[in-house]
Amino acid sequence: MKDAAPKAIFLKDYMQPPYWIQTVDLRFELGEDETHVTSILVLKRNEAISGIQPLTLHGEELVLAAIRLDGVELKASEYKVDETELLVYSVPAEFTLEIETII
């Protein structure tokens, strides 16, 4: 985690997310040196937001092991992952996203 001072978030700065998470299913496999986490998210596009936006998920100190959209493994060109974000470029209005990470 970054050692930054906490930043105030004001109601006037709040924006609705482009996707609503309907359900979350998490599975943790604890190991001596690392933990494998499988998350299954059911998402739906927020119809109050105009235009189609990529799905953005935030996380730090994670290693992406696999990512599947509606059961199909995504190609590297269909998403971008860096130190703090996972972007999935093209998603349908409703979908299931399965992500396997290593901590």
C-alpha atoms as a PDB file:
ATOM      1  CA  MET A   1       0.000   0.000   0.000  1.00  0.00           C
ATOM      2  CA  LYS A   2       1.076   3.538  -0.635  1.00  0.00           C
ATOM      3  CA  ASP A   3       2.006   5.656   2.375  1.00  0.00           C
ATOM      4  CA  ALA A   4      -0.144   8.621   1.369  1.00  0.00           C
ATOM      5  CA  ALA A   5      -2.185  10.685   3.779  1.00  0.00           C
ATOM      6  CA  PRO A   6      -5.914   9.934   3.711  1.00  0.00           C
ATOM      7  CA  LYS A   7      -7.848  12.086   1.250  1.00  0.00           C
ATOM      8  CA  ALA A   8     -11.325  13.385   1.994  1.00  0.00           C
ATOM      9  CA  ILE A   9     -14.049  12.280  -0.426  1.00  0.00           C
ATOM     10  CA  PHE A  10     -16.977  14.647  -0.728  1.00  0.00           C
ATOM     11  CA  LEU A  11     -20.540  13.797  -1.738  1.00  0.00           C
ATOM     12  CA  LYS A  12     -20.300  16.326  -4.588  1.00  0.00           C
ATOM     13  CA  ASP A  13     -17.459  14.239  -6.077  1.00  0.00           C
ATOM     14  CA  TYR A  14     -19.413  10.950  -6.002  1.00  0.00           C
ATOM     15  CA  MET A  15     -20.264   9.354  -9.334  1.00  0.00           C
ATOM     16  CA  GLN A  16     -22.228   6.165  -9.870  1.00  0.00           C
ATOM     17  CA  PRO A  17     -20.156   3.246 -11.149  1.00  0.00           C
ATOM     18  CA  PRO A  18     -20.624   2.169 -14.786  1.00  0.00           C
ATOM     19  CA  TYR A  19     -21.306  -1.438 -13.614  1.00  0.00           C
ATOM     20  CA  TRP A  20     -23.207  -2.803 -10.621  1.00  0.00           C
ATOM     21  CA  ILE A  21     -21.887  -5.918  -8.919  1.00  0.00           C
ATOM     22  CA  GLN A  22     -24.879  -8.206  -8.374  1.00  0.00           C
ATOM     23  CA  THR A  23     -23.093 -11.027  -6.515  1.00  0.00           C
ATOM     24  CA  VAL A  24     -19.591 -11.912  -5.342  1.00  0.00           C
ATOM     25  CA  ASP A  25     -18.279 -15.416  -4.678  1.00  0.00           C
ATOM     26  CA  LEU A  26     -14.760 -15.684  -3.195  1.00  0.00           C
ATOM     27  CA  ARG A  27     -12.628 -18.782  -2.646  1.00  0.00           C
ATOM     28  CA  PHE A  28      -9.301 -18.616  -0.793  1.00  0.00           C
ATOM     29  CA  GLU A  29      -6.671 -21.355  -0.948  1.00  0.00           C
ATOM     30  CA  LEU A  30      -4.170 -20.563   1.792  1.00  0.00           C
ATOM     31  CA  GLY A  31      -0.591 -21.719   1.338  1.00  0.00           C
ATOM     32  CA  GLU A  32       2.701 -21.345   3.163  1.00  0.00           C
ATOM     33  CA  ASP A  33       4.131 -18.786   0.719  1.00  0.00           C
ATOM     34  CA  GLU A  34       1.128 -17.502  -1.238  1.00  0.00           C
ATOM     35  CA  THR A  35      -2.646 -17.429  -1.301  1.00  0.00           C
ATOM     36  CA  HIS A  36      -4.718 -18.224  -4.399  1.00  0.00           C
ATOM     37  CA  VAL A  37      -7.957 -16.283  -4.651  1.00  0.00           C
ATOM     38  CA  THR A  38     -10.746 -17.046  -7.088  1.00  0.00           C
ATOM     39  CA  SER A  39     -13.451 -14.403  -7.378  1.00  0.00           C
ATOM     40  CA  ILE A  40     -16.620 -14.811  -9.386  1.00  0.00           C
ATOM     41  CA  LEU A  41     -18.474 -11.555  -9.976  1.00  0.00           C
ATOM     42  CA  VAL A  42     -21.878 -11.201 -11.614  1.00  0.00           C
ATOM     43  CA  LEU A  43     -22.139  -7.689 -13.046  1.00  0.00           C
ATOM     44  CA  LYS A  44     -24.719  -5.566 -14.834  1.00  0.00           C
ATOM     45  CA  ARG A  45     -24.212  -2.321 -16.723  1.00  0.00           C
ATOM     46  CA  ASN A  46     -25.558   0.757 -14.929  1.00  0.00           C
ATOM     47  CA  GLU A  47     -28.180   2.046 -17.339  1.00  0.00           C
ATOM     48  CA  ALA A  48     -27.998   5.522 -15.760  1.00  0.00           C
ATOM     49  CA  ILE A  49     -24.525   5.922 -17.305  1.00  0.00           C
ATOM     50  CA  SER A  50     -24.496   6.722 -21.005  1.00  0.00           C
ATOM     51  CA  GLY A  51     -21.998   5.045 -23.301  1.00  0.00           C
ATOM     52  CA  ILE A  52     -20.115   1.809 -22.875  1.00  0.00           C
ATOM     53  CA  GLN A  53     -17.066   1.992 -20.633  1.00  0.00           C
ATOM     54  CA  PRO A  54     -14.435  -0.604 -19.829  1.00  0.00           C
ATOM     55  CA  LEU A  55     -14.788  -2.407 -16.526  1.00  0.00           C
ATOM     56  CA  THR A  56     -12.187  -1.112 -14.057  1.00  0.00           C
ATOM     57  CA  LEU A  57     -11.258  -3.043 -10.901  1.00  0.00           C
ATOM     58  CA  HIS A  58      -8.694  -1.819  -8.392  1.00  0.00           C
ATOM     59  CA  GLY A  59      -6.164  -3.900  -6.472  1.00  0.00           C
ATOM     60  CA  GLU A  60      -2.555  -3.818  -5.317  1.00  0.00           C
ATOM     61  CA  GLU A  61       0.145  -6.438  -4.832  1.00  0.00           C
ATOM     62  CA  LEU A  62      -1.789  -9.085  -6.797  1.00  0.00           C
ATOM     63  CA  VAL A  63      -0.601 -11.408  -9.556  1.00  0.00           C
ATOM     64  CA  LEU A  64      -3.231 -12.184 -12.184  1.00  0.00           C
ATOM     65  CA  ALA A  65      -3.278 -15.943 -12.873  1.00  0.00           C
ATOM     66  CA  ALA A  66      -6.407 -16.189 -15.064  1.00  0.00           C
ATOM     67  CA  ILE A  67      -9.407 -14.165 -16.176  1.00  0.00           C
ATOM     68  CA  ARG A  68     -12.593 -15.483 -17.785  1.00  0.00           C
ATOM     69  CA  LEU A  69     -15.643 -13.648 -19.119  1.00  0.00           C
ATOM     70  CA  ASP A  70     -18.778 -15.817 -19.191  1.00  0.00           C
ATOM     71  CA  GLY A  71     -16.565 -18.904 -18.939  1.00  0.00           C
ATOM     72  CA  VAL A  72     -14.222 -17.949 -21.806  1.00  0.00           C
ATOM     73  CA  GLU A  73     -10.567 -17.140 -21.033  1.00  0.00           C
ATOM     74  CA  LEU A  74      -9.727 -13.606 -22.165  1.00  0.00           C
ATOM     75  CA  LYS A  75      -6.855 -12.912 -24.532  1.00  0.00           C
ATOM     76  CA  ALA A  76      -4.161 -10.469 -23.399  1.00  0.00           C
ATOM     77  CA  SER A  77      -5.483  -7.926 -25.935  1.00  0.00           C
ATOM     78  CA  GLU A  78      -8.914  -7.930 -24.239  1.00  0.00           C
ATOM     79  CA  TYR A  79      -7.711  -6.555 -20.907  1.00  0.00           C
ATOM     80  CA  LYS A  80      -4.927  -4.541 -19.305  1.00  0.00           C
ATOM     81  CA  VAL A  81      -3.421  -5.144 -15.889  1.00  0.00           C
ATOM     82  CA  ASP A  82      -0.895  -2.999 -14.015  1.00  0.00           C
ATOM     83  CA  GLU A  83       0.193  -2.416 -10.394  1.00  0.00           C
ATOM     84  CA  THR A  84      -3.148  -0.908  -9.333  1.00  0.00           C
ATOM     85  CA  GLU A  85      -5.855  -1.719 -11.922  1.00  0.00           C
ATOM     86  CA  LEU A  86      -7.439  -4.354 -14.097  1.00  0.00           C
ATOM     87  CA  LEU A  87      -9.269  -3.002 -17.161  1.00  0.00           C
ATOM     88  CA  VAL A  88     -11.521  -5.267 -19.217  1.00  0.00           C
ATOM     89  CA  TYR A  89     -12.121  -3.451 -22.492  1.00  0.00           C
ATOM     90  CA  SER A  90     -15.309  -4.889 -23.927  1.00  0.00           C
ATOM     91  CA  VAL A  91     -18.011  -6.416 -21.751  1.00  0.00           C
ATOM     92  CA  PRO A  92     -21.690  -7.136 -22.424  1.00  0.00           C
ATOM     93  CA  ALA A  93     -24.576  -5.527 -20.534  1.00  0.00           C
ATOM     94  CA  GLU A  94     -24.718  -8.476 -18.114  1.00  0.00           C
ATOM     95  CA  PHE A  95     -21.889 -10.926 -17.509  1.00  0.00           C
ATOM     96  CA  THR A  96     -19.971 -13.151 -15.126  1.00  0.00           C
ATOM     97  CA  LEU A  97     -16.293 -12.424 -14.558  1.00  0.00           C
ATOM     98  CA  GLU A  98     -14.033 -15.026 -12.963  1.00  0.00           C
ATOM     99  CA  ILE A  99     -10.619 -13.854 -11.805  1.00  0.00           C
ATOM    100  CA  GLU A 100      -7.845 -15.951 -10.298  1.00  0.00           C
ATOM    101  CA  THR A 101      -5.130 -14.048  -8.444  1.00  0.00           C
ATOM    102  CA  ILE A 102      -2.124 -14.904  -6.332  1.00  0.00           C
ATOM    103  CA  ILE A 103      -1.291 -12.921  -3.240  1.00  0.00           C
END
